[in-house]
C-alpha atoms as a PDB file:
ATOM      1  CA  MET A   1       0.000   0.000   0.000  1.00  0.00           C
ATOM      2  CA  THR A   2       1.402   3.389  -0.973  1.00  0.00           C
ATOM      3  CA  ARG A   3       1.078   6.620   0.933  1.00  0.00           C
ATOM      4  CA  LEU A   4      -0.959   9.525  -0.422  1.00  0.00           C
ATOM      5  CA  ARG A   5       1.154  12.152  -2.187  1.00  0.00           C
ATOM      6  CA  SER A   6       1.908  15.281  -0.161  1.00  0.00           C
ATOM      7  CA  ASP A   7       0.222  17.665  -2.599  1.00  0.00           C
ATOM      8  CA  ILE A   8      -2.997  15.637  -2.561  1.00  0.00           C
ATOM      9  CA  PHE A   9      -2.973  15.340   1.253  1.00  0.00           C
ATOM     10  CA  VAL A  10      -2.491  19.116   1.608  1.00  0.00           C
ATOM     11  CA  ALA A  11      -5.223  19.918  -0.934  1.00  0.00           C
ATOM     12  CA  ALA A  12      -7.647  17.635   0.926  1.00  0.00           C
ATOM     13  CA  LEU A  13      -6.701  19.171   4.283  1.00  0.00           C
ATOM     14  CA  VAL A  14      -7.280  22.715   3.004  1.00  0.00           C
ATOM     15  CA  ARG A  15     -10.640  21.696   1.580  1.00  0.00           C
ATOM     16  CA  ARG A  16     -11.729  20.026   4.820  1.00  0.00           C
ATOM     17  CA  VAL A  17     -10.754  23.089   6.884  1.00  0.00           C
ATOM     18  CA  PHE A  18     -12.796  25.398   4.641  1.00  0.00           C
ATOM     19  CA  GLY A  19     -15.640  22.868   4.656  1.00  0.00           C
ATOM     20  CA  GLN A  20     -15.731  23.097   8.458  1.00  0.00           C
ATOM     21  CA  GLY A  21     -15.864  26.901   8.382  1.00  0.00           C
ATOM     22  CA  GLY A  22     -12.177  27.524   9.133  1.00  0.00           C
ATOM     23  CA  PHE A  23      -9.406  29.175   7.152  1.00  0.00           C
ATOM     24  CA  ALA A  24      -6.406  27.477   5.547  1.00  0.00           C
ATOM     25  CA  ALA A  25      -3.497  28.633   3.406  1.00  0.00           C
ATOM     26  CA  ILE A  26      -0.377  27.032   2.034  1.00  0.00           C
ATOM     27  CA  GLU A  27       2.564  29.083   3.330  1.00  0.00           C
ATOM     28  CA  HIS A  28       5.218  26.985   1.617  1.00  0.00           C
ATOM     29  CA  ARG A  29       4.878  24.367  -1.106  1.00  0.00           C
ATOM     30  CA  GLY A  30       7.164  21.402  -0.773  1.00  0.00           C
ATOM     31  CA  MET A  31       7.979  18.402  -2.896  1.00  0.00           C
ATOM     32  CA  GLU A  32       4.745  17.197  -4.494  1.00  0.00           C
ATOM     33  CA  GLU A  33       5.269  13.474  -4.031  1.00  0.00           C
ATOM     34  CA  ALA A  34       6.814  13.080  -0.610  1.00  0.00           C
ATOM     35  CA  GLY A  35       7.538  16.413   1.060  1.00  0.00           C
ATOM     36  CA  ALA A  36       7.184  16.483   4.844  1.00  0.00           C
ATOM     37  CA  ILE A  37       4.048  18.325   5.955  1.00  0.00           C
ATOM     38  CA  PHE A  38       3.935  20.790   8.858  1.00  0.00           C
ATOM     39  CA  VAL A  39       0.687  22.385  10.008  1.00  0.00           C
ATOM     40  CA  ARG A  40       0.606  25.679  11.891  1.00  0.00           C
ATOM     41  CA  GLN A  41      -2.652  26.107  13.812  1.00  0.00           C
ATOM     42  CA  ARG A  42      -3.335  29.722  14.763  1.00  0.00           C
ATOM     43  CA  PHE A  43      -5.687  30.622  17.584  1.00  0.00           C
ATOM     44  CA  ARG A  44      -7.670  33.794  18.247  1.00  0.00           C
ATOM     45  CA  ASP A  45      -5.510  34.670  21.260  1.00  0.00           C
ATOM     46  CA  GLY A  46      -2.415  34.877  19.026  1.00  0.00           C
ATOM     47  CA  ARG A  47      -0.880  31.591  20.138  1.00  0.00           C
ATOM     48  CA  GLU A  48      -0.035  28.777  17.732  1.00  0.00           C
ATOM     49  CA  THR A  49       0.401  25.016  17.769  1.00  0.00           C
ATOM     50  CA  LEU A  50       2.768  23.376  15.309  1.00  0.00           C
ATOM     51  CA  TYR A  51       2.219  19.821  14.095  1.00  0.00           C
ATOM     52  CA  GLY A  52       4.899  17.907  12.255  1.00  0.00           C
ATOM     53  CA  PRO A  53       5.411  14.418  10.861  1.00  0.00           C
ATOM     54  CA  ALA A  54       5.517  11.762  13.564  1.00  0.00           C
ATOM     55  CA  PRO A  55       8.707   9.682  13.699  1.00  0.00           C
ATOM     56  CA  GLN A  56       8.296   6.334  11.971  1.00  0.00           C
ATOM     57  CA  SER A  57       9.063   4.597  15.281  1.00  0.00           C
ATOM     58  CA  LEU A  58       5.745   5.943  16.644  1.00  0.00           C
ATOM     59  CA  VAL A  59       3.705   4.623  13.721  1.00  0.00           C
ATOM     60  CA  ASP A  60       2.408   1.077  13.894  1.00  0.00           C
ATOM     61  CA  GLU A  61       2.285  -1.253  10.882  1.00  0.00           C
ATOM     62  CA  GLU A  62      -1.363  -0.449  10.267  1.00  0.00           C
ATOM     63  CA  GLY A  63      -0.617   3.289  10.016  1.00  0.00           C
ATOM     64  CA  ALA A  64       2.600   2.976   8.005  1.00  0.00           C
ATOM     65  CA  ALA A  65       0.847   3.838   4.737  1.00  0.00           C
ATOM     66  CA  SER A  66      -0.882   6.926   6.135  1.00  0.00           C
ATOM     67  CA  ARG A  67       0.514  10.171   7.427  1.00  0.00           C
ATOM     68  CA  ARG A  68       0.632  10.656  11.191  1.00  0.00           C
ATOM     69  CA  PHE A  69       1.458  13.849  13.045  1.00  0.00           C
ATOM     70  CA  GLU A  70       2.755  14.877  16.439  1.00  0.00           C
ATOM     71  CA  ILE A  71       2.644  18.177  18.287  1.00  0.00           C
ATOM     72  CA  ARG A  72       5.993  19.968  17.997  1.00  0.00           C
ATOM     73  CA  LEU A  73       4.948  23.116  19.903  1.00  0.00           C
ATOM     74  CA  ALA A  74       1.668  23.625  21.761  1.00  0.00           C
ATOM     75  CA  ALA A  75       0.024  27.014  22.369  1.00  0.00           C
ATOM     76  CA  ALA A  76       3.341  28.772  21.744  1.00  0.00           C
ATOM     77  CA  GLU A  77       4.185  32.342  20.819  1.00  0.00           C
ATOM     78  CA  PRO A  78       4.317  32.952  17.042  1.00  0.00           C
ATOM     79  CA  ASP A  79       8.050  33.792  17.211  1.00  0.00           C
ATOM     80  CA  GLU A  80       8.821  30.379  18.726  1.00  0.00           C
ATOM     81  CA  VAL A  81       6.870  28.628  15.992  1.00  0.00           C
ATOM     82  CA  ALA A  82       8.537  30.712  13.265  1.00  0.00           C
ATOM     83  CA  ALA A  83      11.994  29.902  14.660  1.00  0.00           C
ATOM     84  CA  LEU A  84      11.278  26.159  14.711  1.00  0.00           C
ATOM     85  CA  ILE A  85       9.911  26.278  11.165  1.00  0.00           C
ATOM     86  CA  ALA A  86      13.025  28.158  10.002  1.00  0.00           C
ATOM     87  CA  ARG A  87      15.259  25.454  11.526  1.00  0.00           C
ATOM     88  CA  GLU A  88      13.192  22.707   9.867  1.00  0.00           C
ATOM     89  CA  ARG A  89      13.355  24.474   6.481  1.00  0.00           C
ATOM     90  CA  LYS A  90      17.155  24.731   6.720  1.00  0.00           C
ATOM     91  CA  TRP A  91      17.298  20.974   7.205  1.00  0.00           C
ATOM     92  CA  ASP A  92      14.506  20.163   4.704  1.00  0.00           C
ATOM     93  CA  PRO A  93      13.753  22.909   2.145  1.00  0.00           C
ATOM     94  CA  ASP A  94      11.194  20.630   0.423  1.00  0.00           C
ATOM     95  CA  LEU A  95       8.739  20.607   3.318  1.00  0.00           C
ATOM     96  CA  TRP A  96       5.148  21.825   3.131  1.00  0.00           C
ATOM     97  CA  LEU A  97       3.819  24.405   5.583  1.00  0.00           C
ATOM     98  CA  VAL A  98       0.063  24.785   5.915  1.00  0.00           C
ATOM     99  CA  GLU A  99      -1.561  27.410   8.119  1.00  0.00           C
ATOM    100  CA  ILE A 100      -4.987  26.685   9.534  1.00  0.00           C
ATOM    101  CA  GLU A 101      -7.300  28.764  11.685  1.00  0.00           C
ATOM    102  CA  VAL A 102      -9.741  26.518  13.503  1.00  0.00           C
ATOM    103  CA  ASP A 103     -10.713  26.493  17.160  1.00  0.00           C
ATOM    104  CA  GLU A 104     -10.618  22.704  17.423  1.00  0.00           C
ATOM    105  CA  LEU A 105      -8.407  20.369  15.394  1.00  0.00           C
ATOM    106  CA  GLY A 106     -10.987  17.584  15.543  1.00  0.00           C
ATOM    107  CA  ASP A 107     -10.150  14.809  13.110  1.00  0.00           C
ATOM    108  CA  LEU A 108      -8.295  17.007  10.600  1.00  0.00           C
ATOM    109  CA  LEU A 109      -4.908  15.418  11.403  1.00  0.00           C
ATOM    110  CA  PRO A 110      -4.227  11.883  12.657  1.00  0.00           C
ATOM    111  CA  LEU A 111      -2.096  12.367  15.789  1.00  0.00           C
ATOM    112  CA  VAL A 112       0.122   9.811  17.533  1.00  0.00           C
END
């Protein structure tokens, strides 16, 4: 079983966010086929939570073909999130960065 391409996953995520009444934007486009995906969730109080790809060691065999995420920073200041994203982009310039504005993440991202 193959994993869904990054560009298709991101397009579906953006659509789902808008479908639930939220806002989504692609801040940085990565490699279409297999770029790592980071999601920056912005809250009304100005704080942000950053989700990134979960390490493969945290993904069971059943979830190996799907994308799983983990929280990298929770309810952090925007500067902290921006600094972490900058470090990640230095290491992996082909990553995707998606910004979402929703109060509750719900089932938008599968978390480990």
